[in-house]
N, C-alpha and C. Protein backbone atom coordinates (compact mmCIF):
# COMPACT_ATOMS: atom_id res chain seq x y z
N MET A 1 23.89 23.54 0.84
CA MET A 1 23.32 22.68 1.88
C MET A 1 23.16 20.81 0.30
N GLN A 2 23.68 20.23 1.47
CA GLN A 2 22.80 18.84 0.48
C GLN A 2 21.29 18.49 1.28
N GLY A 3 20.21 19.30 1.49
CA GLY A 3 19.79 18.44 2.02
C GLY A 3 19.41 17.82 4.13
N PHE A 4 18.14 17.73 4.16
CA PHE A 4 17.96 17.30 5.43
C PHE A 4 17.88 15.60 5.31
N THR A 5 18.55 14.52 6.83
CA THR A 5 18.43 13.44 6.98
C THR A 5 17.69 12.72 8.71
N THR A 6 16.70 12.95 7.79
CA THR A 6 15.85 12.56 10.21
C THR A 6 16.31 11.47 10.55
N CYS A 7 17.26 11.79 11.52
CA CYS A 7 18.21 10.14 13.24
C CYS A 7 16.64 10.33 13.36
N LEU A 8 16.65 9.01 13.64
CA LEU A 8 15.41 8.64 14.31
C LEU A 8 16.60 7.55 15.41
N TRP A 9 16.30 7.89 16.53
CA TRP A 9 16.81 6.92 18.16
C TRP A 9 16.20 5.33 17.93
N PHE A 10 16.61 4.80 18.48
CA PHE A 10 16.10 3.73 19.03
C PHE A 10 17.35 3.03 19.77
N GLU A 11 16.72 2.12 21.14
CA GLU A 11 17.28 1.86 21.97
C GLU A 11 17.80 0.94 21.26
N ASN A 12 17.86 -0.21 20.58
CA ASN A 12 18.79 -1.72 19.60
C ASN A 12 18.15 -2.51 18.82
N GLN A 13 17.30 -1.17 18.00
CA GLN A 13 16.51 -2.10 16.32
C GLN A 13 16.42 -1.29 16.24
N ALA A 14 17.98 -0.55 15.72
CA ALA A 14 17.73 0.39 14.25
C ALA A 14 18.00 -0.64 13.39
N GLU A 15 18.45 -1.21 13.43
CA GLU A 15 18.53 -2.14 12.24
C GLU A 15 17.45 -2.82 11.67
N GLU A 16 17.21 -3.40 12.65
CA GLU A 16 15.82 -4.27 12.50
C GLU A 16 14.37 -3.14 11.67
N ALA A 17 14.99 -1.75 11.79
CA ALA A 17 13.13 -0.64 11.66
C ALA A 17 14.41 -0.39 10.62
N ALA A 18 15.34 -0.43 10.29
CA ALA A 18 15.97 0.54 9.04
C ALA A 18 15.01 -0.60 7.95
N ARG A 19 14.94 -2.26 7.77
CA ARG A 19 15.59 -3.46 6.99
C ARG A 19 13.22 -3.05 6.99
N PHE A 20 12.85 -3.34 8.31
CA PHE A 20 11.38 -3.24 7.76
C PHE A 20 10.38 -1.86 7.02
N TYR A 21 10.79 -0.90 7.18
CA TYR A 21 10.40 0.43 6.30
C TYR A 21 11.55 0.48 4.83
N THR A 22 12.38 -0.49 4.89
CA THR A 22 12.45 -0.27 3.14
C THR A 22 11.76 -1.64 2.48
N SER A 23 10.90 -2.54 3.29
CA SER A 23 10.82 -3.33 2.95
C SER A 23 9.03 -3.40 2.59
N VAL A 24 8.76 -1.95 3.48
CA VAL A 24 7.18 -1.19 3.96
C VAL A 24 7.33 -0.44 2.10
N PHE A 25 8.34 0.32 2.29
CA PHE A 25 8.36 1.73 0.71
C PHE A 25 9.32 1.25 -0.55
N ARG A 26 8.30 2.06 -1.68
CA ARG A 26 9.23 1.44 -2.16
C ARG A 26 9.61 2.13 -3.08
N ASN A 27 10.98 2.57 -3.98
CA ASN A 27 11.99 3.61 -3.85
C ASN A 27 12.77 3.61 -2.66
N SER A 28 13.54 1.90 -2.15
CA SER A 28 13.92 1.94 -0.30
C SER A 28 15.29 1.20 -0.91
N ARG A 29 16.55 1.87 0.07
CA ARG A 29 17.90 0.80 0.13
C ARG A 29 18.39 1.02 1.92
N ILE A 30 18.78 0.08 2.05
CA ILE A 30 19.89 0.38 2.74
C ILE A 30 20.85 0.69 2.50
N GLY A 31 21.41 1.86 3.87
CA GLY A 31 22.30 1.98 2.90
C GLY A 31 23.66 2.18 3.51
N GLY A 32 25.14 2.78 4.36
CA GLY A 32 26.14 2.31 5.33
C GLY A 32 25.01 1.57 6.69
N ILE A 33 26.48 0.90 7.29
CA ILE A 33 26.06 0.48 8.82
C ILE A 33 27.07 0.91 9.37
N THR A 34 27.49 1.79 10.94
CA THR A 34 28.54 1.48 10.92
C THR A 34 27.39 0.86 12.84
N ARG A 35 29.12 0.52 13.17
CA ARG A 35 29.59 0.27 14.25
C ARG A 35 30.13 0.32 15.20
N TYR A 36 30.54 0.11 16.70
CA TYR A 36 30.61 0.57 17.89
C TYR A 36 31.85 0.36 18.05
N GLY A 37 33.02 1.31 17.76
CA GLY A 37 34.38 0.74 18.64
C GLY A 37 34.42 0.79 20.01
N ASP A 38 36.01 0.15 20.31
CA ASP A 38 36.18 0.86 21.92
C ASP A 38 35.72 2.18 22.90
N SER A 39 35.85 3.33 21.30
CA SER A 39 35.44 4.22 22.37
C SER A 39 34.12 4.73 22.24
N GLY A 40 33.59 4.47 20.42
CA GLY A 40 31.86 4.92 20.80
C GLY A 40 31.46 4.25 22.26
N ALA A 41 31.65 2.75 22.63
CA ALA A 41 31.19 1.74 23.16
C ALA A 41 31.39 1.59 24.46
N LYS A 42 32.96 2.42 24.55
CA LYS A 42 32.90 2.98 25.99
C LYS A 42 32.27 4.42 26.47
N ALA A 43 31.76 4.56 25.87
CA ALA A 43 31.47 6.06 25.59
C ALA A 43 29.96 5.94 26.18
N SER A 44 28.84 5.64 25.23
CA SER A 44 27.65 5.20 25.26
C SER A 44 27.05 4.04 25.78
N GLY A 45 27.67 2.71 26.36
CA GLY A 45 27.80 1.88 27.64
C GLY A 45 27.10 0.91 26.58
N ARG A 46 26.95 0.50 24.90
CA ARG A 46 26.80 0.28 23.71
C ARG A 46 27.89 -0.69 24.06
N PRO A 47 27.54 -2.58 23.43
CA PRO A 47 28.17 -3.20 23.73
C PRO A 47 29.88 -2.99 22.09
N LYS A 48 30.72 -2.76 21.92
CA LYS A 48 31.12 -3.12 21.45
C LYS A 48 30.71 -3.77 20.16
N GLY A 49 31.38 -3.75 18.35
CA GLY A 49 30.60 -4.63 17.11
C GLY A 49 29.12 -4.43 17.34
N SER A 50 28.40 -3.67 18.08
CA SER A 50 27.19 -4.08 17.54
C SER A 50 26.80 -2.95 17.05
N VAL A 51 25.91 -3.04 16.78
CA VAL A 51 25.33 -1.70 15.35
C VAL A 51 24.92 -0.80 16.51
N MET A 52 25.64 1.03 15.71
CA MET A 52 25.37 2.54 16.31
C MET A 52 24.49 2.40 15.07
N THR A 53 25.17 2.74 14.02
CA THR A 53 23.51 3.94 12.69
C THR A 53 23.11 3.18 11.46
N VAL A 54 22.43 3.14 10.99
CA VAL A 54 22.19 2.21 9.66
C VAL A 54 21.64 3.39 8.89
N GLU A 55 22.35 3.57 7.81
CA GLU A 55 21.74 4.85 6.54
C GLU A 55 20.88 4.15 6.18
N PHE A 56 19.02 4.69 5.78
CA PHE A 56 18.47 4.02 4.90
C PHE A 56 17.82 5.10 3.90
N GLU A 57 17.27 4.82 2.64
CA GLU A 57 16.07 5.27 2.54
C GLU A 57 15.02 4.67 2.04
N ALA A 58 13.83 5.80 3.03
CA ALA A 58 12.35 4.84 2.62
C ALA A 58 11.22 6.04 1.37
N ALA A 59 10.85 5.30 0.27
CA ALA A 59 10.54 6.78 -1.08
C ALA A 59 10.92 7.44 -1.16
N GLY A 60 12.16 7.27 -0.92
CA GLY A 60 13.22 8.35 -2.31
C GLY A 60 13.59 9.43 -0.04
N GLN A 61 13.41 9.60 1.44
CA GLN A 61 13.66 9.78 2.06
C GLN A 61 14.57 9.54 2.51
N LYS A 62 16.13 10.17 3.53
CA LYS A 62 16.88 9.70 4.17
C LYS A 62 16.30 9.80 5.87
N PHE A 63 17.20 8.40 5.41
CA PHE A 63 16.73 8.41 7.50
C PHE A 63 18.14 8.22 7.86
N MET A 64 18.20 7.94 9.04
CA MET A 64 19.78 7.95 10.09
C MET A 64 19.19 6.88 11.03
N GLY A 65 19.08 5.76 11.30
CA GLY A 65 18.49 5.16 12.38
C GLY A 65 19.85 4.89 13.22
N LEU A 66 19.92 5.70 14.78
CA LEU A 66 20.68 5.37 15.61
C LEU A 66 20.63 4.65 17.32
N ASN A 67 21.47 3.30 17.32
CA ASN A 67 21.22 2.65 18.80
C ASN A 67 21.11 3.53 19.08
N GLY A 68 21.57 4.23 20.06
CA GLY A 68 21.60 5.19 21.92
C GLY A 68 20.96 4.86 23.02
N GLY A 69 19.89 3.64 22.79
CA GLY A 69 20.16 3.00 24.43
C GLY A 69 18.03 3.74 24.40
N PRO A 70 18.31 3.52 25.59
CA PRO A 70 16.96 3.73 26.62
C PRO A 70 16.50 4.88 26.79
N GLU A 71 17.62 5.58 26.30
CA GLU A 71 17.44 7.85 26.57
C GLU A 71 16.19 8.25 26.25
N PHE A 72 16.16 7.60 25.60
CA PHE A 72 14.72 8.92 24.60
C PHE A 72 14.13 7.67 23.66
N LYS A 73 12.90 8.17 23.56
CA LYS A 73 11.42 7.07 22.85
C LYS A 73 10.74 8.18 22.01
N PHE A 74 10.17 7.55 21.48
CA PHE A 74 9.50 9.01 20.32
C PHE A 74 7.85 8.99 20.87
N SER A 75 7.69 9.56 20.43
CA SER A 75 6.61 10.83 20.56
C SER A 75 5.25 11.04 19.90
N GLU A 76 4.17 11.25 19.77
CA GLU A 76 3.55 11.88 18.71
C GLU A 76 3.67 13.31 18.65
N ALA A 77 4.62 13.39 19.38
CA ALA A 77 5.07 15.00 18.71
C ALA A 77 5.70 15.43 17.09
N ILE A 78 5.78 13.92 17.09
CA ILE A 78 6.87 13.69 16.00
C ILE A 78 5.97 12.66 15.54
N SER A 79 5.83 13.32 13.17
CA SER A 79 5.39 12.03 13.14
C SER A 79 5.58 12.20 11.24
N LEU A 80 5.43 10.77 10.43
CA LEU A 80 5.93 10.80 9.17
C LEU A 80 4.37 10.87 8.31
N MET A 81 4.19 11.82 7.83
CA MET A 81 3.06 11.59 7.42
C MET A 81 3.11 10.98 5.90
N VAL A 82 2.65 10.13 5.61
CA VAL A 82 2.41 9.14 4.09
C VAL A 82 1.74 10.31 3.46
N ASN A 83 1.47 10.11 2.20
CA ASN A 83 1.00 10.89 1.14
C ASN A 83 0.42 10.27 0.34
N CYS A 84 -1.27 9.21 0.25
CA CYS A 84 -1.29 8.29 -0.62
C CYS A 84 -2.19 8.97 -1.61
N GLU A 85 -2.29 8.40 -3.07
CA GLU A 85 -3.01 8.54 -4.31
C GLU A 85 -4.14 7.48 -4.57
N ASN A 86 -4.72 6.91 -3.54
CA ASN A 86 -5.76 6.01 -3.37
C ASN A 86 -6.20 5.09 -1.91
N GLN A 87 -7.16 4.33 -2.59
CA GLN A 87 -7.63 4.00 -1.14
C GLN A 87 -6.72 2.61 -0.75
N GLU A 88 -6.85 2.26 -2.62
CA GLU A 88 -5.56 0.42 -2.35
C GLU A 88 -3.85 1.08 -1.11
N GLU A 89 -3.85 2.23 -1.29
CA GLU A 89 -2.20 2.72 -0.88
C GLU A 89 -3.02 3.08 0.70
N ILE A 90 -3.65 3.65 1.23
CA ILE A 90 -4.23 4.19 1.83
C ILE A 90 -4.00 2.88 3.23
N ASP A 91 -5.25 1.84 2.27
CA ASP A 91 -5.13 0.35 2.74
C ASP A 91 -3.74 -0.42 3.04
N GLU A 92 -2.98 -0.20 2.22
CA GLU A 92 -1.47 -1.27 2.04
C GLU A 92 -0.75 -0.94 3.38
N TYR A 93 -0.57 0.85 3.61
CA TYR A 93 0.65 1.58 4.65
C TYR A 93 -0.46 1.60 5.81
N TRP A 94 -1.53 1.29 5.89
CA TRP A 94 -2.08 1.39 7.09
C TRP A 94 -1.74 0.03 7.78
N ALA A 95 -1.85 -0.82 6.39
CA ALA A 95 -2.14 -2.75 7.99
C ALA A 95 -0.25 -2.85 7.65
N LYS A 96 0.33 -2.29 7.21
CA LYS A 96 1.55 -2.95 7.11
C LYS A 96 2.35 -1.45 8.43
N LEU A 97 2.10 -0.37 8.56
CA LEU A 97 2.84 0.07 9.21
C LEU A 97 2.30 0.41 11.40
N SER A 98 0.84 -0.35 10.94
CA SER A 98 0.21 -0.67 12.36
C SER A 98 0.07 -2.01 12.49
N ALA A 99 1.08 -3.60 11.65
CA ALA A 99 0.73 -4.49 12.17
C ALA A 99 2.26 -4.15 13.88
N GLY A 100 1.52 -4.68 14.96
CA GLY A 100 2.90 -5.35 15.79
C GLY A 100 2.44 -3.82 16.58
N GLY A 101 1.85 -2.01 15.70
CA GLY A 101 1.53 -1.53 16.25
C GLY A 101 0.38 -1.03 17.26
N ARG A 102 -0.05 -0.15 16.91
CA ARG A 102 -1.18 0.78 17.56
C ARG A 102 -1.92 1.35 16.27
N GLU A 103 -3.13 0.83 16.76
CA GLU A 103 -4.44 2.95 15.58
C GLU A 103 -4.62 3.56 16.14
N GLY A 104 -4.52 4.66 15.38
CA GLY A 104 -4.86 6.04 16.47
C GLY A 104 -5.99 6.14 15.86
N VAL A 105 -6.41 7.35 15.80
CA VAL A 105 -7.25 8.62 15.42
C VAL A 105 -6.71 9.28 14.76
N CYS A 106 -8.40 9.37 13.15
CA CYS A 106 -7.74 10.42 11.96
C CYS A 106 -6.74 10.84 11.50
N GLY A 107 -5.94 9.06 11.05
CA GLY A 107 -5.39 8.37 10.15
C GLY A 107 -3.98 8.41 10.90
N TRP A 108 -3.87 8.70 11.96
CA TRP A 108 -2.89 8.75 12.95
C TRP A 108 -2.48 6.62 13.39
N LEU A 109 -1.30 6.60 14.00
CA LEU A 109 -1.27 5.17 13.97
C LEU A 109 0.40 5.25 14.80
N THR A 110 0.05 4.24 15.01
CA THR A 110 1.83 4.03 15.75
C THR A 110 2.66 2.53 15.87
N ASP A 111 3.94 3.33 14.90
CA ASP A 111 4.25 1.50 14.73
C ASP A 111 4.55 0.05 15.54
N LYS A 112 5.50 -0.91 15.05
CA LYS A 112 5.63 -1.43 16.07
C LYS A 112 6.42 -1.28 16.92
N TYR A 113 7.94 0.06 16.43
CA TYR A 113 8.98 0.41 16.60
C TYR A 113 8.53 2.21 17.91
N GLY A 114 7.39 2.50 18.05
CA GLY A 114 7.18 3.08 18.71
C GLY A 114 6.80 4.24 17.85
N LEU A 115 7.11 4.90 16.74
CA LEU A 115 7.49 5.67 15.66
C LEU A 115 6.24 6.24 14.80
N SER A 116 5.28 7.22 14.91
CA SER A 116 4.20 7.65 14.74
C SER A 116 4.24 7.99 13.23
N TRP A 117 3.15 7.17 12.77
CA TRP A 117 1.98 8.37 11.20
C TRP A 117 1.39 9.07 11.12
N GLN A 118 0.57 9.68 10.12
CA GLN A 118 0.04 9.10 9.11
C GLN A 118 0.19 8.90 8.18
N VAL A 119 -0.93 8.31 7.83
CA VAL A 119 -1.68 7.76 6.80
C VAL A 119 -2.91 8.27 6.05
N VAL A 120 -2.33 9.33 4.77
CA VAL A 120 -3.57 10.15 4.78
C VAL A 120 -3.88 10.15 2.67
N PRO A 121 -4.78 10.52 1.79
CA PRO A 121 -4.78 10.55 1.05
C PRO A 121 -3.99 12.47 0.50
N ALA A 122 -3.13 12.01 -0.61
CA ALA A 122 -2.40 13.51 -1.18
C ALA A 122 -3.41 14.68 -1.56
N GLU A 123 -5.06 14.38 -1.47
CA GLU A 123 -5.93 15.37 -1.65
C GLU A 123 -6.81 15.45 -0.67
N LEU A 124 -5.81 15.58 0.51
CA LEU A 124 -6.57 16.36 1.38
C LEU A 124 -5.89 17.22 2.05
N THR A 125 -4.67 17.76 1.56
CA THR A 125 -4.40 18.75 2.25
C THR A 125 -5.35 19.68 1.74
N ARG A 126 -5.33 20.03 -0.04
CA ARG A 126 -6.23 20.56 -1.38
C ARG A 126 -8.32 20.55 0.31
N MET A 127 -7.75 19.25 0.38
CA MET A 127 -9.43 19.15 0.80
C MET A 127 -9.61 20.47 2.27
N MET A 128 -8.72 20.25 3.10
CA MET A 128 -8.23 20.58 4.11
C MET A 128 -8.47 22.87 3.96
N GLN A 129 -7.75 23.28 2.99
CA GLN A 129 -7.48 24.04 2.79
C GLN A 129 -8.17 25.37 1.84
N ASP A 130 -9.28 24.42 2.04
CA ASP A 130 -10.26 24.74 0.88
C ASP A 130 -10.74 27.23 0.99
N LYS A 131 -10.43 27.61 -0.19
CA LYS A 131 -10.78 29.31 0.78
C LYS A 131 -11.22 29.58 0.07
N ASP A 132 -12.80 28.39 -0.67
CA ASP A 132 -13.53 29.06 -1.49
C ASP A 132 -15.28 28.65 -0.90
N ASP A 133 -14.81 27.42 0.01
CA ASP A 133 -15.87 27.56 0.55
C ASP A 133 -15.69 26.36 2.27
N PRO A 134 -15.18 27.45 2.69
CA PRO A 134 -13.92 26.53 3.97
C PRO A 134 -15.37 25.51 5.12
N ALA A 135 -16.45 25.51 4.37
CA ALA A 135 -17.13 25.03 4.62
C ALA A 135 -17.15 23.77 4.16
N ARG A 136 -16.37 23.31 3.37
CA ARG A 136 -16.02 22.18 3.23
C ARG A 136 -15.53 21.35 3.35
N SER A 137 -14.13 22.20 3.76
CA SER A 137 -13.04 21.98 5.01
C SER A 137 -13.40 21.07 5.93
N GLU A 138 -14.50 21.96 6.58
CA GLU A 138 -15.01 22.03 8.00
C GLU A 138 -15.69 20.72 7.75
N ARG A 139 -16.28 20.29 7.28
CA ARG A 139 -17.42 19.16 6.77
C ARG A 139 -16.49 17.45 6.55
N VAL A 140 -15.28 18.05 5.95
CA VAL A 140 -13.51 17.48 5.62
C VAL A 140 -13.79 16.73 7.58
N MET A 141 -13.34 17.98 8.24
CA MET A 141 -12.81 17.69 9.33
C MET A 141 -13.51 16.71 10.06
N ALA A 142 -14.88 17.25 10.27
CA ALA A 142 -15.99 15.89 11.47
C ALA A 142 -16.15 15.00 10.65
N ALA A 143 -15.36 14.43 9.37
CA ALA A 143 -15.57 13.16 9.03
C ALA A 143 -14.67 11.94 9.72
N ILE A 144 -13.43 13.68 9.53
CA ILE A 144 -11.82 13.43 9.99
C ILE A 144 -12.81 12.79 11.32
N LEU A 145 -13.12 13.37 11.74
CA LEU A 145 -12.66 12.80 13.77
C LEU A 145 -14.18 11.86 13.85
N THR A 146 -13.85 10.92 12.88
CA THR A 146 -15.35 9.75 12.86
C THR A 146 -14.38 8.20 13.07
N MET A 147 -13.32 8.98 12.44
CA MET A 147 -12.17 7.59 12.46
C MET A 147 -10.81 7.26 12.12
N LYS A 148 -10.57 5.75 12.50
CA LYS A 148 -8.91 6.04 12.29
C LYS A 148 -8.14 6.00 11.09
N LYS A 149 -9.23 4.82 10.61
CA LYS A 149 -8.46 4.43 9.16
C LYS A 149 -9.03 5.13 8.26
N LEU A 150 -7.96 6.26 7.49
CA LEU A 150 -8.83 7.11 6.63
C LEU A 150 -10.12 6.72 5.79
N ASP A 151 -11.18 6.96 5.40
CA ASP A 151 -12.04 6.24 4.05
C ASP A 151 -12.14 7.39 3.22
N LEU A 152 -10.91 7.20 2.02
CA LEU A 152 -11.08 8.46 0.73
C LEU A 152 -12.39 8.29 0.21
N GLU A 153 -13.60 7.58 0.13
CA GLU A 153 -14.24 8.33 -0.60
C GLU A 153 -15.35 9.19 0.32
N THR A 154 -15.71 8.71 1.32
CA THR A 154 -16.15 9.38 2.92
C THR A 154 -16.02 10.64 2.63
N LEU A 155 -14.46 11.65 2.26
CA LEU A 155 -14.18 12.16 2.92
C LEU A 155 -14.19 12.64 1.07
N ARG A 156 -14.12 12.61 0.60
CA ARG A 156 -14.66 13.02 -0.83
C ARG A 156 -15.86 13.70 -0.69
N ARG A 157 -16.87 13.29 -0.11
CA ARG A 157 -18.31 12.86 -0.06
C ARG A 157 -19.03 13.83 0.95
N ALA A 158 -17.73 13.98 1.94
CA ALA A 158 -17.97 15.19 2.87
C ALA A 158 -17.49 16.15 1.76
N PHE A 159 -17.18 16.37 1.56
CA PHE A 159 -15.92 17.30 0.78
C PHE A 159 -16.84 18.03 -0.33
N ARG A 160 -17.97 17.28 -0.69
CA ARG A 160 -18.97 17.67 -1.58
C ARG A 160 -20.57 18.06 -0.62
N GLY A 161 -20.73 17.33 0.87
CA GLY A 161 -22.01 18.39 1.20
C GLY A 161 -22.82 17.35 1.12
N GLU A 162 -22.35 15.91 0.61
CA GLU A 162 -23.31 14.96 0.64
C GLU A 162 -23.51 14.02 1.78
N GLU A 163 -24.63 14.07 2.39
CA GLU A 163 -25.31 13.88 3.65
C GLU A 163 -24.28 12.99 4.60
N SER A 164 -24.66 11.53 3.52
CA SER A 164 -23.64 10.24 4.28
C SER A 164 -22.58 10.25 4.76
N ALA A 165 -22.58 11.58 4.40
CA ALA A 165 -20.38 10.98 4.92
C ALA A 165 -20.23 11.13 5.87
N VAL A 166 -20.39 12.25 6.68
CA VAL A 166 -20.50 12.03 8.20
C VAL A 166 -20.68 10.85 9.55
N GLY A 167 -19.83 10.33 9.53
CA GLY A 167 -19.85 8.84 11.09
C GLY A 167 -19.98 7.78 9.41
N ALA A 168 -20.16 7.81 8.78
CA ALA A 168 -19.52 6.86 7.78
C ALA A 168 -19.03 6.51 7.28
N ALA A 169 -18.12 6.11 8.55
CA ALA A 169 -16.11 5.97 8.53
C ALA A 169 -16.30 4.64 8.45
N ARG A 170 -14.73 4.34 8.37
CA ARG A 170 -14.79 2.51 8.81
C ARG A 170 -14.55 2.53 9.68
């Protein structure tokens, strides 16, 4: 097996979206682009010569954007997680990905193409799975529930049990 490639269905903006995502993330590139020929255009109702698929990598992950028409839309049932090393990365990716989209709660957002993202600190998993003191995880969860964009220092204070953490979200 050669691994997985995530296929993202767009109405007609696969190439635009691929160029956007590769501009947001380091270690990214556009790959091959296929166009609708006679058979594909006839079967899909898409214009002959228009972009059918765009292969791209974003942050080293493989994707294929497909211009398939308006039949299917993205939903929050699937999201991509951006695991950030520090608050600067959280701020950077939150600003870029939410531009033209919609901010959600608990570190979630929907970008301008309708794709859902979770912009989270990489250490969040460790905080949420603390087996030594489950109260730490509970405090972190309580803090997350007060936030849109996650504030790493507030989460760390919640994890340590500092009273000022809950409700101090950005």
